[in-house]
Amino acid sequence: ESGEGRSAHAGQATVFGHKRRVEEVRYWSEEEHSLFLVGVQRFGARNYRALSQFIKTRTPTQVRTHLEKYLHKLQVRKPSTCSEKNL
């Protein structure tokens, strides 16, 4: 395929005049994550739409998924500090 008729923009591709969502694996940049943390303080953790608009490069669904992974990561780290008390 030569890719003619396609152009990618922020998670969407235009295929012969029709917008289609493009699934791509993309990690959050440090800047996006920093904006995420500031946004959580400002708008609350569950306000995905406001966080998405604040970050500008992520959809509400991507924000929700990032929050879930971030909270999981924090939970995984917590037990290690608790087990150190028992040493």
N, C-alpha and C. Protein backbone atom coordinates (compact mmCIF):
# COMPACT_ATOMS: atom_id res chain seq x y z
N GLU A 1 0.83 -1.20 0.00
CA GLU A 1 0.00 0.00 0.00
C GLU A 1 0.86 1.24 0.00
N SER A 2 0.50 2.18 -0.79
CA SER A 2 1.27 3.42 -0.85
C SER A 2 0.80 4.42 0.19
N GLY A 3 -0.41 4.21 0.78
CA GLY A 3 -0.93 5.12 1.79
C GLY A 3 -1.57 6.36 1.20
N GLU A 4 -1.77 6.39 -0.12
CA GLU A 4 -2.40 7.56 -0.74
C GLU A 4 -3.80 7.74 -0.18
N GLY A 5 -4.16 8.99 0.02
CA GLY A 5 -5.49 9.29 0.54
C GLY A 5 -5.56 9.22 2.05
N ARG A 6 -4.44 8.99 2.70
CA ARG A 6 -4.44 8.89 4.16
C ARG A 6 -3.56 9.96 4.77
N SER A 7 -4.03 10.52 5.84
CA SER A 7 -3.19 11.42 6.63
C SER A 7 -3.58 11.25 8.08
N ALA A 8 -2.61 11.15 8.96
CA ALA A 8 -2.88 10.90 10.38
C ALA A 8 -2.84 12.21 11.16
N HIS A 9 -3.79 12.38 12.05
CA HIS A 9 -3.84 13.54 12.95
C HIS A 9 -4.33 13.05 14.30
N ALA A 10 -3.55 13.21 15.31
CA ALA A 10 -3.95 12.99 16.70
C ALA A 10 -4.94 11.84 16.89
N GLY A 11 -4.56 10.65 16.49
CA GLY A 11 -5.41 9.49 16.72
C GLY A 11 -6.49 9.25 15.69
N GLN A 12 -6.52 10.03 14.63
CA GLN A 12 -7.50 9.81 13.58
C GLN A 12 -6.79 9.77 12.24
N ALA A 13 -7.39 9.07 11.31
CA ALA A 13 -6.85 9.06 9.96
C ALA A 13 -7.97 9.40 9.00
N THR A 14 -7.66 10.14 7.98
CA THR A 14 -8.65 10.43 6.95
C THR A 14 -8.39 9.45 5.81
N VAL A 15 -9.35 8.61 5.57
CA VAL A 15 -9.22 7.63 4.50
C VAL A 15 -10.24 7.98 3.44
N PHE A 16 -9.76 8.55 2.35
CA PHE A 16 -10.61 8.95 1.24
C PHE A 16 -11.80 9.78 1.71
N GLY A 17 -11.52 10.79 2.56
CA GLY A 17 -12.54 11.72 3.00
C GLY A 17 -13.33 11.27 4.22
N HIS A 18 -13.10 10.06 4.73
CA HIS A 18 -13.83 9.57 5.90
C HIS A 18 -12.88 9.48 7.08
N LYS A 19 -13.29 10.05 8.21
CA LYS A 19 -12.44 9.98 9.40
C LYS A 19 -12.62 8.62 10.05
N ARG A 20 -11.49 8.05 10.41
CA ARG A 20 -11.49 6.75 11.06
C ARG A 20 -10.52 6.81 12.22
N ARG A 21 -10.87 6.20 13.31
CA ARG A 21 -10.00 6.18 14.48
C ARG A 21 -8.83 5.24 14.22
N VAL A 22 -7.65 5.67 14.59
CA VAL A 22 -6.46 4.85 14.42
C VAL A 22 -6.01 4.38 15.80
N GLU A 23 -5.89 3.08 15.97
CA GLU A 23 -5.39 2.54 17.23
C GLU A 23 -3.87 2.50 17.15
N GLU A 24 -3.23 3.17 18.09
CA GLU A 24 -1.79 3.15 18.09
C GLU A 24 -1.30 3.09 19.53
N VAL A 25 -0.23 2.37 19.75
CA VAL A 25 0.37 2.29 21.06
C VAL A 25 1.28 3.49 21.21
N ARG A 26 1.02 4.28 22.22
CA ARG A 26 1.80 5.48 22.42
C ARG A 26 1.90 5.74 23.91
N TYR A 27 3.10 5.88 24.39
CA TYR A 27 3.30 6.15 25.80
C TYR A 27 3.06 7.62 26.10
N TRP A 28 2.69 7.90 27.35
CA TRP A 28 2.48 9.26 27.78
C TRP A 28 3.84 9.94 27.97
N SER A 29 3.96 11.14 27.45
CA SER A 29 5.20 11.91 27.62
C SER A 29 5.24 12.45 29.05
N GLU A 30 6.41 12.89 29.47
CA GLU A 30 6.54 13.50 30.80
C GLU A 30 5.65 14.73 30.92
N GLU A 31 5.58 15.49 29.83
CA GLU A 31 4.74 16.71 29.84
C GLU A 31 3.26 16.34 30.01
N GLU A 32 2.80 15.33 29.27
CA GLU A 32 1.40 14.91 29.39
C GLU A 32 1.11 14.42 30.80
N HIS A 33 2.03 13.64 31.37
CA HIS A 33 1.81 13.11 32.72
C HIS A 33 1.81 14.24 33.75
N SER A 34 2.69 15.22 33.57
CA SER A 34 2.70 16.38 34.48
C SER A 34 1.39 17.14 34.41
N LEU A 35 0.90 17.35 33.19
CA LEU A 35 -0.41 18.01 33.02
C LEU A 35 -1.51 17.18 33.65
N PHE A 36 -1.43 15.86 33.51
CA PHE A 36 -2.39 14.95 34.12
C PHE A 36 -2.43 15.16 35.64
N LEU A 37 -1.26 15.20 36.28
CA LEU A 37 -1.19 15.37 37.73
C LEU A 37 -1.74 16.72 38.18
N VAL A 38 -1.41 17.78 37.44
CA VAL A 38 -1.94 19.12 37.76
C VAL A 38 -3.46 19.11 37.57
N GLY A 39 -3.92 18.50 36.48
CA GLY A 39 -5.35 18.44 36.20
C GLY A 39 -6.13 17.67 37.24
N VAL A 40 -5.55 16.59 37.75
CA VAL A 40 -6.21 15.81 38.81
C VAL A 40 -6.41 16.68 40.04
N GLN A 41 -5.41 17.48 40.39
CA GLN A 41 -5.54 18.39 41.53
C GLN A 41 -6.61 19.45 41.27
N ARG A 42 -6.67 19.92 40.05
CA ARG A 42 -7.57 21.02 39.69
C ARG A 42 -9.01 20.56 39.49
N PHE A 43 -9.21 19.44 38.77
CA PHE A 43 -10.55 19.02 38.35
C PHE A 43 -11.06 17.76 39.04
N GLY A 44 -10.20 17.06 39.74
CA GLY A 44 -10.59 15.79 40.35
C GLY A 44 -10.21 14.63 39.44
N ALA A 45 -9.93 13.50 40.05
CA ALA A 45 -9.41 12.34 39.31
C ALA A 45 -10.43 11.75 38.34
N ARG A 46 -11.70 11.84 38.64
CA ARG A 46 -12.71 11.17 37.80
C ARG A 46 -13.34 12.08 36.75
N ASN A 47 -12.86 13.29 36.63
CA ASN A 47 -13.41 14.22 35.64
C ASN A 47 -12.62 14.08 34.33
N TYR A 48 -12.84 12.95 33.65
CA TYR A 48 -12.05 12.58 32.47
C TYR A 48 -12.15 13.61 31.35
N ARG A 49 -13.33 14.15 31.14
CA ARG A 49 -13.52 15.10 30.04
C ARG A 49 -12.72 16.38 30.30
N ALA A 50 -12.80 16.91 31.52
CA ALA A 50 -12.05 18.13 31.85
C ALA A 50 -10.54 17.86 31.77
N LEU A 51 -10.11 16.71 32.25
CA LEU A 51 -8.69 16.36 32.18
C LEU A 51 -8.24 16.25 30.73
N SER A 52 -9.07 15.64 29.90
CA SER A 52 -8.75 15.49 28.48
C SER A 52 -8.61 16.86 27.81
N GLN A 53 -9.52 17.76 28.11
CA GLN A 53 -9.47 19.11 27.53
C GLN A 53 -8.26 19.88 28.04
N PHE A 54 -7.88 19.64 29.29
CA PHE A 54 -6.73 20.32 29.88
C PHE A 54 -5.42 19.80 29.26
N ILE A 55 -5.32 18.49 29.06
CA ILE A 55 -4.11 17.88 28.49
C ILE A 55 -4.03 18.15 26.99
N LYS A 56 -5.17 18.16 26.33
CA LYS A 56 -5.31 18.48 24.89
C LYS A 56 -4.90 17.38 23.92
N THR A 57 -4.01 16.47 24.31
CA THR A 57 -3.54 15.45 23.38
C THR A 57 -4.11 14.07 23.68
N ARG A 58 -5.01 13.98 24.67
CA ARG A 58 -5.57 12.69 25.09
C ARG A 58 -7.08 12.74 25.16
N THR A 59 -7.71 11.64 24.79
CA THR A 59 -9.16 11.52 24.86
C THR A 59 -9.57 11.20 26.31
N PRO A 60 -10.85 11.40 26.64
CA PRO A 60 -11.31 11.02 27.98
C PRO A 60 -11.06 9.54 28.29
N THR A 61 -11.20 8.67 27.32
CA THR A 61 -10.95 7.24 27.52
C THR A 61 -9.47 6.99 27.83
N GLN A 62 -8.59 7.68 27.12
CA GLN A 62 -7.16 7.53 27.39
C GLN A 62 -6.80 8.05 28.78
N VAL A 63 -7.45 9.13 29.20
CA VAL A 63 -7.22 9.68 30.53
C VAL A 63 -7.68 8.67 31.59
N ARG A 64 -8.86 8.08 31.38
CA ARG A 64 -9.38 7.09 32.34
C ARG A 64 -8.43 5.91 32.47
N THR A 65 -7.95 5.40 31.35
CA THR A 65 -7.03 4.27 31.36
C THR A 65 -5.72 4.64 32.05
N HIS A 66 -5.22 5.84 31.77
CA HIS A 66 -3.97 6.29 32.40
C HIS A 66 -4.16 6.39 33.91
N LEU A 67 -5.30 6.91 34.34
CA LEU A 67 -5.59 7.01 35.77
C LEU A 67 -5.61 5.63 36.42
N GLU A 68 -6.28 4.68 35.78
CA GLU A 68 -6.35 3.32 36.33
C GLU A 68 -4.95 2.72 36.48
N LYS A 69 -4.13 2.86 35.46
CA LYS A 69 -2.76 2.31 35.51
C LYS A 69 -1.92 3.04 36.56
N TYR A 70 -2.09 4.35 36.65
CA TYR A 70 -1.34 5.15 37.61
C TYR A 70 -1.71 4.75 39.04
N LEU A 71 -3.01 4.61 39.32
CA LEU A 71 -3.45 4.20 40.66
C LEU A 71 -2.96 2.80 41.00
N HIS A 72 -2.99 1.91 40.02
CA HIS A 72 -2.49 0.54 40.23
C HIS A 72 -1.00 0.57 40.58
N LYS A 73 -0.24 1.39 39.86
CA LYS A 73 1.19 1.52 40.11
C LYS A 73 1.45 2.01 41.53
N LEU A 74 0.64 2.98 41.99
CA LEU A 74 0.78 3.49 43.35
C LEU A 74 0.46 2.42 44.38
N GLN A 75 -0.56 1.61 44.12
CA GLN A 75 -0.96 0.54 45.03
C GLN A 75 0.12 -0.52 45.13
N VAL A 76 0.74 -0.85 44.01
CA VAL A 76 1.78 -1.87 43.99
C VAL A 76 2.98 -1.41 44.82
N ARG A 77 3.29 -0.13 44.78
CA ARG A 77 4.42 0.41 45.54
C ARG A 77 4.16 0.44 47.04
N LYS A 78 2.91 0.67 47.46
CA LYS A 78 2.58 0.82 48.87
C LYS A 78 2.92 -0.41 49.71
N PRO A 79 2.51 -1.62 49.33
CA PRO A 79 2.78 -2.78 50.18
C PRO A 79 4.25 -2.99 50.49
N SER A 80 5.15 -2.62 49.58
CA SER A 80 6.59 -2.82 49.82
C SER A 80 7.05 -2.00 51.04
N THR A 81 6.48 -0.82 51.22
CA THR A 81 6.86 -0.01 52.39
C THR A 81 6.29 -0.60 53.67
N CYS A 82 5.11 -1.21 53.58
CA CYS A 82 4.50 -1.83 54.75
C CYS A 82 5.30 -3.06 55.18
N SER A 83 5.77 -3.85 54.24
CA SER A 83 6.51 -5.06 54.57
C SER A 83 7.88 -4.74 55.17
N GLU A 84 8.41 -3.55 54.86
CA GLU A 84 9.69 -3.15 55.42
C GLU A 84 9.58 -2.96 56.94
N LYS A 85 8.40 -2.62 57.45
CA LYS A 85 8.22 -2.43 58.89
C LYS A 85 8.40 -3.75 59.64
N ASN A 86 8.08 -4.85 58.95
CA ASN A 86 8.16 -6.16 59.59
C ASN A 86 9.58 -6.72 59.60
N LEU A 87 10.55 -6.05 59.05
CA LEU A 87 11.92 -6.57 59.00
C LEU A 87 12.62 -6.48 60.31
